[in-house]
Amino acid sequence: SHLRGRWLRVADWPAFHAARPNHHWQPLPRSAWLSPARLAEADIWPPATLDAWLRQTSLEQRPQLLVHLQPGREGHWEECERLFLVADSWPERALD
């Protein structure tokens, strides 16, 4: 049950997200990267919170890990996919 992820530039996010209207994405703190995400219903962000986070987050400094969450067992949401959201200049800038 190994989860796989992908890399996506910020400029490609709107089209990627629009093509998946029923997917729920949310950033995952670095301290939670080692195991699949499992969040309580109360910890799920509404779409407006993700939109505000995207506008405020500077990806030039560091890529951000987003997880696609789906309702799971016992009222929790469970991770089914990971995505690193990177700056449009990636990977060129990462090599500086």
PDB file of N, CA and C in Angstrom:
ATOM      1  N   SER A   1       0.828  -1.203   0.000  1.00  0.00           N
ATOM      2  CA  SER A   1       0.000   0.000   0.000  1.00  0.00           C
ATOM      3  C   SER A   1       0.865   1.257   0.000  1.00  0.00           C
ATOM      4  N   HIS A   2       1.995   1.195  -0.676  1.00  0.00           N
ATOM      5  CA  HIS A   2       2.907   2.336  -0.754  1.00  0.00           C
ATOM      6  C   HIS A   2       2.234   3.497  -1.485  1.00  0.00           C
ATOM      7  N   LEU A   3       2.240   4.655  -0.863  1.00  0.00           N
ATOM      8  CA  LEU A   3       1.669   5.839  -1.500  1.00  0.00           C
ATOM      9  C   LEU A   3       2.718   6.494  -2.382  1.00  0.00           C
ATOM     10  N   ARG A   4       2.307   6.979  -3.499  1.00  0.00           N
ATOM     11  CA  ARG A   4       3.215   7.667  -4.407  1.00  0.00           C
ATOM     12  C   ARG A   4       2.774   9.120  -4.494  1.00  0.00           C
ATOM     13  N   GLY A   5       3.713   9.972  -4.882  1.00  0.00           N
ATOM     14  CA  GLY A   5       3.403  11.387  -4.972  1.00  0.00           C
ATOM     15  C   GLY A   5       3.846  11.958  -6.294  1.00  0.00           C
ATOM     16  N   ARG A   6       3.670  13.246  -6.453  1.00  0.00           N
ATOM     17  CA  ARG A   6       4.070  13.950  -7.672  1.00  0.00           C
ATOM     18  C   ARG A   6       4.557  15.333  -7.308  1.00  0.00           C
ATOM     19  N   TRP A   7       5.194  15.990  -8.269  1.00  0.00           N
ATOM     20  CA  TRP A   7       5.658  17.369  -8.142  1.00  0.00           C
ATOM     21  C   TRP A   7       4.837  18.204  -9.107  1.00  0.00           C
ATOM     22  N   LEU A   8       4.456  19.402  -8.696  1.00  0.00           N
ATOM     23  CA  LEU A   8       3.649  20.267  -9.541  1.00  0.00           C
ATOM     24  C   LEU A   8       4.056  21.714  -9.308  1.00  0.00           C
ATOM     25  N   ARG A   9       4.264  22.444 -10.401  1.00  0.00           N
ATOM     26  CA  ARG A   9       4.576  23.871 -10.299  1.00  0.00           C
ATOM     27  C   ARG A   9       3.305  24.658  -9.970  1.00  0.00           C
ATOM     28  N   VAL A  10       3.487  25.753  -9.255  1.00  0.00           N
ATOM     29  CA  VAL A  10       2.357  26.591  -8.831  1.00  0.00           C
ATOM     30  C   VAL A  10       1.501  27.019 -10.023  1.00  0.00           C
ATOM     31  N   ALA A  11       2.124  27.381 -11.128  1.00  0.00           N
ATOM     32  CA  ALA A  11       1.376  27.830 -12.310  1.00  0.00           C
ATOM     33  C   ALA A  11       0.458  26.733 -12.847  1.00  0.00           C
ATOM     34  N   ASP A  12       0.788  25.479 -12.579  1.00  0.00           N
ATOM     35  CA  ASP A  12      -0.020  24.360 -13.061  1.00  0.00           C
ATOM     36  C   ASP A  12      -1.118  23.950 -12.080  1.00  0.00           C
ATOM     37  N   TRP A  13      -1.075  24.492 -10.864  1.00  0.00           N
ATOM     38  CA  TRP A  13      -2.051  24.123  -9.843  1.00  0.00           C
ATOM     39  C   TRP A  13      -3.499  24.407 -10.251  1.00  0.00           C
ATOM     40  N   PRO A  14      -3.863  25.599 -10.757  1.00  0.00           N
ATOM     41  CA  PRO A  14      -5.273  25.860 -11.072  1.00  0.00           C
ATOM     42  C   PRO A  14      -5.885  24.828 -12.031  1.00  0.00           C
ATOM     43  N   ALA A  15      -5.183  24.479 -13.089  1.00  0.00           N
ATOM     44  CA  ALA A  15      -5.719  23.493 -14.041  1.00  0.00           C
ATOM     45  C   ALA A  15      -5.782  22.102 -13.415  1.00  0.00           C
ATOM     46  N   PHE A  16      -4.738  21.747 -12.659  1.00  0.00           N
ATOM     47  CA  PHE A  16      -4.703  20.447 -11.984  1.00  0.00           C
ATOM     48  C   PHE A  16      -5.880  20.322 -11.025  1.00  0.00           C
ATOM     49  N   HIS A  17      -6.084  21.351 -10.227  1.00  0.00           N
ATOM     50  CA  HIS A  17      -7.147  21.340  -9.228  1.00  0.00           C
ATOM     51  C   HIS A  17      -8.536  21.369  -9.886  1.00  0.00           C
ATOM     52  N   ALA A  18      -8.682  22.157 -10.937  1.00  0.00           N
ATOM     53  CA  ALA A  18      -9.977  22.246 -11.635  1.00  0.00           C
ATOM     54  C   ALA A  18     -10.365  20.922 -12.284  1.00  0.00           C
ATOM     55  N   ALA A  19      -9.382  20.143 -12.702  1.00  0.00           N
ATOM     56  CA  ALA A  19      -9.658  18.852 -13.329  1.00  0.00           C
ATOM     57  C   ALA A  19     -10.069  17.789 -12.307  1.00  0.00           C
ATOM     58  N   ARG A  20      -9.948  18.113 -11.041  1.00  0.00           N
ATOM     59  CA  ARG A  20     -10.280  17.186  -9.952  1.00  0.00           C
ATOM     60  C   ARG A  20     -11.213  17.885  -8.958  1.00  0.00           C
ATOM     61  N   PRO A  21     -12.417  18.242  -9.382  1.00  0.00           N
ATOM     62  CA  PRO A  21     -13.280  19.075  -8.538  1.00  0.00           C
ATOM     63  C   PRO A  21     -13.711  18.419  -7.230  1.00  0.00           C
ATOM     64  N   ASN A  22     -13.703  17.118  -7.145  1.00  0.00           N
ATOM     65  CA  ASN A  22     -14.148  16.447  -5.928  1.00  0.00           C
ATOM     66  C   ASN A  22     -13.001  16.028  -5.017  1.00  0.00           C
ATOM     67  N   HIS A  23     -11.775  16.436  -5.354  1.00  0.00           N
ATOM     68  CA  HIS A  23     -10.624  16.107  -4.517  1.00  0.00           C
ATOM     69  C   HIS A  23     -10.439  17.174  -3.447  1.00  0.00           C
ATOM     70  N   HIS A  24     -10.153  16.728  -2.253  1.00  0.00           N
ATOM     71  CA  HIS A  24      -9.887  17.654  -1.152  1.00  0.00           C
ATOM     72  C   HIS A  24      -8.390  17.632  -0.859  1.00  0.00           C
ATOM     73  N   TRP A  25      -7.739  18.783  -1.036  1.00  0.00           N
ATOM     74  CA  TRP A  25      -6.297  18.911  -0.801  1.00  0.00           C
ATOM     75  C   TRP A  25      -6.044  19.795   0.406  1.00  0.00           C
ATOM     76  N   GLN A  26      -4.974  19.477   1.118  1.00  0.00           N
ATOM     77  CA  GLN A  26      -4.613  20.249   2.298  1.00  0.00           C
ATOM     78  C   GLN A  26      -3.118  20.086   2.548  1.00  0.00           C
ATOM     79  N   PRO A  27      -2.438  21.150   3.029  1.00  0.00           N
ATOM     80  CA  PRO A  27      -1.018  21.005   3.345  1.00  0.00           C
ATOM     81  C   PRO A  27      -0.818  20.059   4.524  1.00  0.00           C
ATOM     82  N   LEU A  28       0.311  19.376   4.494  1.00  0.00           N
ATOM     83  CA  LEU A  28       0.660  18.468   5.584  1.00  0.00           C
ATOM     84  C   LEU A  28       1.919  19.000   6.254  1.00  0.00           C
ATOM     85  N   PRO A  29       1.884  19.240   7.557  1.00  0.00           N
ATOM     86  CA  PRO A  29       3.081  19.744   8.245  1.00  0.00           C
ATOM     87  C   PRO A  29       4.225  18.735   8.144  1.00  0.00           C
ATOM     88  N   ARG A  30       5.425  19.246   8.066  1.00  0.00           N
ATOM     89  CA  ARG A  30       6.609  18.397   7.916  1.00  0.00           C
ATOM     90  C   ARG A  30       6.700  17.333   9.015  1.00  0.00           C
ATOM     91  N   SER A  31       6.266  17.658  10.195  1.00  0.00           N
ATOM     92  CA  SER A  31       6.320  16.708  11.302  1.00  0.00           C
ATOM     93  C   SER A  31       5.411  15.494  11.089  1.00  0.00           C
ATOM     94  N   ALA A  32       4.520  15.566  10.103  1.00  0.00           N
ATOM     95  CA  ALA A  32       3.583  14.472   9.833  1.00  0.00           C
ATOM     96  C   ALA A  32       3.889  13.723   8.531  1.00  0.00           C
ATOM     97  N   TRP A  33       5.039  13.985   7.922  1.00  0.00           N
ATOM     98  CA  TRP A  33       5.352  13.398   6.619  1.00  0.00           C
ATOM     99  C   TRP A  33       5.656  11.903   6.645  1.00  0.00           C
ATOM    100  N   LEU A  34       6.062  11.357   7.752  1.00  0.00           N
ATOM    101  CA  LEU A  34       6.546   9.979   7.772  1.00  0.00           C
ATOM    102  C   LEU A  34       5.460   8.916   7.703  1.00  0.00           C
ATOM    103  N   SER A  35       4.238   9.275   7.988  1.00  0.00           N
ATOM    104  CA  SER A  35       3.161   8.290   7.919  1.00  0.00           C
ATOM    105  C   SER A  35       1.991   8.866   7.136  1.00  0.00           C
ATOM    106  N   PRO A  36       1.128   8.005   6.614  1.00  0.00           N
ATOM    107  CA  PRO A  36      -0.039   8.515   5.880  1.00  0.00           C
ATOM    108  C   PRO A  36      -0.900   9.412   6.771  1.00  0.00           C
ATOM    109  N   ALA A  37      -1.380  10.485   6.201  1.00  0.00           N
ATOM    110  CA  ALA A  37      -2.201  11.432   6.962  1.00  0.00           C
ATOM    111  C   ALA A  37      -3.551  10.826   7.294  1.00  0.00           C
ATOM    112  N   ARG A  38      -3.994  11.106   8.495  1.00  0.00           N
ATOM    113  CA  ARG A  38      -5.329  10.703   8.962  1.00  0.00           C
ATOM    114  C   ARG A  38      -5.799  11.827   9.866  1.00  0.00           C
ATOM    115  N   LEU A  39      -6.807  12.574   9.405  1.00  0.00           N
ATOM    116  CA  LEU A  39      -7.249  13.763  10.134  1.00  0.00           C
ATOM    117  C   LEU A  39      -8.695  13.618  10.591  1.00  0.00           C
ATOM    118  N   ALA A  40      -8.962  14.209  11.729  1.00  0.00           N
ATOM    119  CA  ALA A  40     -10.335  14.264  12.222  1.00  0.00           C
ATOM    120  C   ALA A  40     -11.129  15.251  11.372  1.00  0.00           C
ATOM    121  N   GLU A  41     -12.408  15.061  11.315  1.00  0.00           N
ATOM    122  CA  GLU A  41     -13.294  15.943  10.543  1.00  0.00           C
ATOM    123  C   GLU A  41     -13.077  17.406  10.914  1.00  0.00           C
ATOM    124  N   ALA A  42     -12.864  17.695  12.184  1.00  0.00           N
ATOM    125  CA  ALA A  42     -12.681  19.073  12.653  1.00  0.00           C
ATOM    126  C   ALA A  42     -11.404  19.712  12.120  1.00  0.00           C
ATOM    127  N   ASP A  43     -10.443  18.904  11.674  1.00  0.00           N
ATOM    128  CA  ASP A  43      -9.166  19.426  11.174  1.00  0.00           C
ATOM    129  C   ASP A  43      -9.140  19.623   9.660  1.00  0.00           C
ATOM    130  N   ILE A  44     -10.229  19.319   8.992  1.00  0.00           N
ATOM    131  CA  ILE A  44     -10.309  19.468   7.537  1.00  0.00           C
ATOM    132  C   ILE A  44     -10.590  20.922   7.189  1.00  0.00           C
ATOM    133  N   TRP A  45      -9.768  21.451   6.277  1.00  0.00           N
ATOM    134  CA  TRP A  45      -9.927  22.845   5.856  1.00  0.00           C
ATOM    135  C   TRP A  45     -11.061  22.984   4.852  1.00  0.00           C
ATOM    136  N   PRO A  46     -11.847  24.041   4.963  1.00  0.00           N
ATOM    137  CA  PRO A  46     -12.793  24.357   3.889  1.00  0.00           C
ATOM    138  C   PRO A  46     -12.004  24.881   2.678  1.00  0.00           C
ATOM    139  N   PRO A  47     -12.566  24.812   1.486  1.00  0.00           N
ATOM    140  CA  PRO A  47     -11.848  25.272   0.290  1.00  0.00           C
ATOM    141  C   PRO A  47     -11.314  26.696   0.395  1.00  0.00           C
ATOM    142  N   ALA A  48     -12.030  27.597   1.035  1.00  0.00           N
ATOM    143  CA  ALA A  48     -11.569  28.990   1.157  1.00  0.00           C
ATOM    144  C   ALA A  48     -10.281  29.086   1.972  1.00  0.00           C
ATOM    145  N   THR A  49     -10.105  28.216   2.931  1.00  0.00           N
ATOM    146  CA  THR A  49      -8.887  28.233   3.745  1.00  0.00           C
ATOM    147  C   THR A  49      -7.688  27.811   2.913  1.00  0.00           C
ATOM    148  N   LEU A  50      -7.863  26.788   2.073  1.00  0.00           N
ATOM    149  CA  LEU A  50      -6.772  26.372   1.184  1.00  0.00           C
ATOM    150  C   LEU A  50      -6.438  27.490   0.199  1.00  0.00           C
ATOM    151  N   ASP A  51      -7.441  28.130  -0.366  1.00  0.00           N
ATOM    152  CA  ASP A  51      -7.202  29.226  -1.307  1.00  0.00           C
ATOM    153  C   ASP A  51      -6.411  30.358  -0.644  1.00  0.00           C
ATOM    154  N   ALA A  52      -6.781  30.721   0.572  1.00  0.00           N
ATOM    155  CA  ALA A  52      -6.069  31.788   1.302  1.00  0.00           C
ATOM    156  C   ALA A  52      -4.636  31.347   1.601  1.00  0.00           C
ATOM    157  N   TRP A  53      -4.451  30.103   1.998  1.00  0.00           N
ATOM    158  CA  TRP A  53      -3.113  29.581   2.290  1.00  0.00           C
ATOM    159  C   TRP A  53      -2.237  29.639   1.044  1.00  0.00           C
ATOM    160  N   LEU A  54      -2.789  29.267  -0.104  1.00  0.00           N
ATOM    161  CA  LEU A  54      -2.027  29.301  -1.362  1.00  0.00           C
ATOM    162  C   LEU A  54      -1.594  30.721  -1.715  1.00  0.00           C
ATOM    163  N   ARG A  55      -2.449  31.699  -1.476  1.00  0.00           N
ATOM    164  CA  ARG A  55      -2.109  33.092  -1.771  1.00  0.00           C
ATOM    165  C   ARG A  55      -1.024  33.620  -0.835  1.00  0.00           C
ATOM    166  N   GLN A  56      -0.976  33.129   0.390  1.00  0.00           N
ATOM    167  CA  GLN A  56      -0.054  33.653   1.401  1.00  0.00           C
ATOM    168  C   GLN A  56       1.268  32.900   1.486  1.00  0.00           C
ATOM    169  N   THR A  57       1.348  31.719   0.919  1.00  0.00           N
ATOM    170  CA  THR A  57       2.527  30.880   1.073  1.00  0.00           C
ATOM    171  C   THR A  57       3.555  31.182  -0.003  1.00  0.00           C
ATOM    172  N   SER A  58       4.791  31.379   0.418  1.00  0.00           N
ATOM    173  CA  SER A  58       5.887  31.617  -0.521  1.00  0.00           C
ATOM    174  C   SER A  58       6.562  30.294  -0.842  1.00  0.00           C
ATOM    175  N   LEU A  59       6.374  29.830  -2.054  1.00  0.00           N
ATOM    176  CA  LEU A  59       6.971  28.563  -2.459  1.00  0.00           C
ATOM    177  C   LEU A  59       8.371  28.744  -3.011  1.00  0.00           C
ATOM    178  N   GLU A  60       8.805  29.991  -3.167  1.00  0.00           N
ATOM    179  CA  GLU A  60      10.166  30.237  -3.635  1.00  0.00           C
ATOM    180  C   GLU A  60      11.184  29.737  -2.614  1.00  0.00           C
ATOM    181  N   GLN A  61      10.835  29.794  -1.354  1.00  0.00           N
ATOM    182  CA  GLN A  61      11.754  29.374  -0.303  1.00  0.00           C
ATOM    183  C   GLN A  61      11.763  27.861  -0.100  1.00  0.00           C
ATOM    184  N   ARG A  62      10.577  27.246  -0.162  1.00  0.00           N
ATOM    185  CA  ARG A  62      10.498  25.826   0.149  1.00  0.00           C
ATOM    186  C   ARG A  62       9.229  25.217  -0.451  1.00  0.00           C
ATOM    187  N   PRO A  63       9.334  24.085  -1.151  1.00  0.00           N
ATOM    188  CA  PRO A  63       8.133  23.411  -1.633  1.00  0.00           C
ATOM    189  C   PRO A  63       7.229  23.022  -0.458  1.00  0.00           C
ATOM    190  N   GLN A  64       5.966  22.856  -0.746  1.00  0.00           N
ATOM    191  CA  GLN A  64       4.998  22.470   0.277  1.00  0.00           C
ATOM    192  C   GLN A  64       4.351  21.146  -0.115  1.00  0.00           C
ATOM    193  N   LEU A  65       4.157  20.294   0.871  1.00  0.00           N
ATOM    194  CA  LEU A  65       3.524  19.007   0.632  1.00  0.00           C
ATOM    195  C   LEU A  65       2.025  19.126   0.866  1.00  0.00           C
ATOM    196  N   LEU A  66       1.260  18.780  -0.165  1.00  0.00           N
ATOM    197  CA  LEU A  66      -0.200  18.728  -0.047  1.00  0.00           C
ATOM    198  C   LEU A  66      -0.627  17.272  -0.085  1.00  0.00           C
ATOM    199  N   VAL A  67      -1.688  16.957   0.637  1.00  0.00           N
ATOM    200  CA  VAL A  67      -2.240  15.609   0.598  1.00  0.00           C
ATOM    201  C   VAL A  67      -3.677  15.666   0.118  1.00  0.00           C
ATOM    202  N   HIS A  68      -4.027  14.688  -0.688  1.00  0.00           N
ATOM    203  CA  HIS A  68      -5.413  14.495  -1.126  1.00  0.00           C
ATOM    204  C   HIS A  68      -6.056  13.595  -0.080  1.00  0.00           C
ATOM    205  N   LEU A  69      -7.122  14.093   0.518  1.00  0.00           N
ATOM    206  CA  LEU A  69      -7.807  13.376   1.591  1.00  0.00           C
ATOM    207  C   LEU A  69      -9.197  12.946   1.152  1.00  0.00           C
ATOM    208  N   GLN A  70      -9.600  11.766   1.624  1.00  0.00           N
ATOM    209  CA  GLN A  70     -10.949  11.261   1.377  1.00  0.00           C
ATOM    210  C   GLN A  70     -11.548  10.812   2.694  1.00  0.00           C
ATOM    211  N   PRO A  71     -12.887  10.907   2.814  1.00  0.00           N
ATOM    212  CA  PRO A  71     -13.509  10.401   4.043  1.00  0.00           C
ATOM    213  C   PRO A  71     -13.163   8.924   4.221  1.00  0.00           C
ATOM    214  N   GLY A  72     -12.801   8.581   5.432  1.00  0.00           N
ATOM    215  CA  GLY A  72     -12.414   7.205   5.728  1.00  0.00           C
ATOM    216  C   GLY A  72     -13.262   6.623   6.838  1.00  0.00           C
ATOM    217  N   ARG A  73     -12.666   5.719   7.573  1.00  0.00           N
ATOM    218  CA  ARG A  73     -13.360   5.034   8.654  1.00  0.00           C
ATOM    219  C   ARG A  73     -13.478   5.923   9.901  1.00  0.00           C
ATOM    220  N   GLU A  74     -14.500   5.648  10.666  1.00  0.00           N
ATOM    221  CA  GLU A  74     -14.679   6.256  11.984  1.00  0.00           C
ATOM    222  C   GLU A  74     -14.671   7.782  11.963  1.00  0.00           C
ATOM    223  N   GLY A  75     -15.145   8.383  10.894  1.00  0.00           N
ATOM    224  CA  GLY A  75     -15.243   9.841  10.826  1.00  0.00           C
ATOM    225  C   GLY A  75     -13.952  10.565  10.538  1.00  0.00           C
ATOM    226  N   HIS A  76     -12.880   9.857  10.247  1.00  0.00           N
ATOM    227  CA  HIS A  76     -11.605  10.475   9.905  1.00  0.00           C
ATOM    228  C   HIS A  76     -11.458  10.589   8.397  1.00  0.00           C
ATOM    229  N   TRP A  77     -10.599  11.505   7.973  1.00  0.00           N
ATOM    230  CA  TRP A  77     -10.240  11.640   6.571  1.00  0.00           C
ATOM    231  C   TRP A  77      -8.862  11.031   6.402  1.00  0.00           C
ATOM    232  N   GLU A  78      -8.661  10.282   5.314  1.00  0.00           N
ATOM    233  CA  GLU A  78      -7.416   9.557   5.110  1.00  0.00           C
ATOM    234  C   GLU A  78      -6.746   9.966   3.804  1.00  0.00           C
ATOM    235  N   GLU A  79      -5.443  10.010   3.851  1.00  0.00           N
ATOM    236  CA  GLU A  79      -4.632  10.377   2.686  1.00  0.00           C
ATOM    237  C   GLU A  79      -4.697   9.301   1.615  1.00  0.00           C
ATOM    238  N   CYS A  80      -4.794   9.741   0.352  1.00  0.00           N
ATOM    239  CA  CYS A  80      -4.740   8.786  -0.755  1.00  0.00           C
ATOM    240  C   CYS A  80      -3.730   9.216  -1.823  1.00  0.00           C
ATOM    241  N   GLU A  81      -3.169  10.420  -1.692  1.00  0.00           N
ATOM    242  CA  GLU A  81      -2.176  10.898  -2.665  1.00  0.00           C
ATOM    243  C   GLU A  81      -1.404  12.069  -2.050  1.00  0.00           C
ATOM    244  N   ARG A  82      -0.132  12.202  -2.485  1.00  0.00           N
ATOM    245  CA  ARG A  82       0.703  13.328  -2.060  1.00  0.00           C
ATOM    246  C   ARG A  82       1.165  14.109  -3.271  1.00  0.00           C
ATOM    247  N   LEU A  83       1.383  15.410  -3.039  1.00  0.00           N
ATOM    248  CA  LEU A  83       1.827  16.280  -4.116  1.00  0.00           C
ATOM    249  C   LEU A  83       2.728  17.358  -3.522  1.00  0.00           C
ATOM    250  N   PHE A  84       3.929  17.510  -4.063  1.00  0.00           N
ATOM    251  CA  PHE A  84       4.782  18.626  -3.670  1.00  0.00           C
ATOM    252  C   PHE A  84       4.474  19.781  -4.614  1.00  0.00           C
ATOM    253  N   LEU A  85       4.028  20.888  -4.064  1.00  0.00           N
ATOM    254  CA  LEU A  85       3.767  22.100  -4.815  1.00  0.00           C
ATOM    255  C   LEU A  85       5.046  22.928  -4.776  1.00  0.00           C
ATOM    256  N   VAL A  86       5.614  23.189  -5.955  1.00  0.00           N
ATOM    257  CA  VAL A  86       6.916  23.845  -6.040  1.00  0.00           C
ATOM    258  C   VAL A  86       6.809  25.160  -6.808  1.00  0.00           C
ATOM    259  N   ALA A  87       7.826  25.995  -6.646  1.00  0.00           N
ATOM    260  CA  ALA A  87       7.886  27.273  -7.359  1.00  0.00           C
ATOM    261  C   ALA A  87       7.960  27.028  -8.858  1.00  0.00           C
ATOM    262  N   ASP A  88       7.504  27.995  -9.626  1.00  0.00           N
ATOM    263  CA  ASP A  88       7.553  27.881 -11.084  1.00  0.00           C
ATOM    264  C   ASP A  88       8.983  27.780 -11.593  1.00  0.00           C
ATOM    265  N   SER A  89       9.930  28.282 -10.832  1.00  0.00           N
ATOM    266  CA  SER A  89      11.337  28.249 -11.248  1.00  0.00           C
ATOM    267  C   SER A  89      12.011  26.917 -10.918  1.00  0.00           C
ATOM    268  N   TRP A  90      11.297  26.000 -10.298  1.00  0.00           N
ATOM    269  CA  TRP A  90      11.861  24.707  -9.935  1.00  0.00           C
ATOM    270  C   TRP A  90      12.055  23.873 -11.191  1.00  0.00           C
ATOM    271  N   PRO A  91      13.088  23.115 -11.389  1.00  0.00           N
ATOM    272  CA  PRO A  91      14.188  22.853 -10.457  1.00  0.00           C
ATOM    273  C   PRO A  91      15.380  23.783 -10.643  1.00  0.00           C
ATOM    274  N   GLU A  92      15.336  24.686 -11.612  1.00  0.00           N
ATOM    275  CA  GLU A  92      16.498  25.552 -11.862  1.00  0.00           C
ATOM    276  C   GLU A  92      16.939  26.295 -10.608  1.00  0.00           C
ATOM    277  N   ARG A  93      15.992  26.907  -9.913  1.00  0.00           N
ATOM    278  CA  ARG A  93      16.320  27.676  -8.724  1.00  0.00           C
ATOM    279  C   ARG A  93      16.811  26.780  -7.593  1.00  0.00           C
ATOM    280  N   ALA A  94      16.339  25.553  -7.545  1.00  0.00           N
ATOM    281  CA  ALA A  94      16.763  24.620  -6.497  1.00  0.00           C
ATOM    282  C   ALA A  94      18.242  24.274  -6.624  1.00  0.00           C
ATOM    283  N   LEU A  95      18.794  24.451  -7.800  1.00  0.00           N
ATOM    284  CA  LEU A  95      20.200  24.119  -8.033  1.00  0.00           C
ATOM    285  C   LEU A  95      21.130  25.264  -7.698  1.00  0.00           C
ATOM    286  N   ASP A  96      20.600  26.466  -7.417  1.00  0.00           N
ATOM    287  CA  ASP A  96      21.434  27.624  -7.075  1.00  0.00           C
ATOM    288  C   ASP A  96      22.195  27.410  -5.784  1.00  0.00           C
TER     289      ASP A  96
END
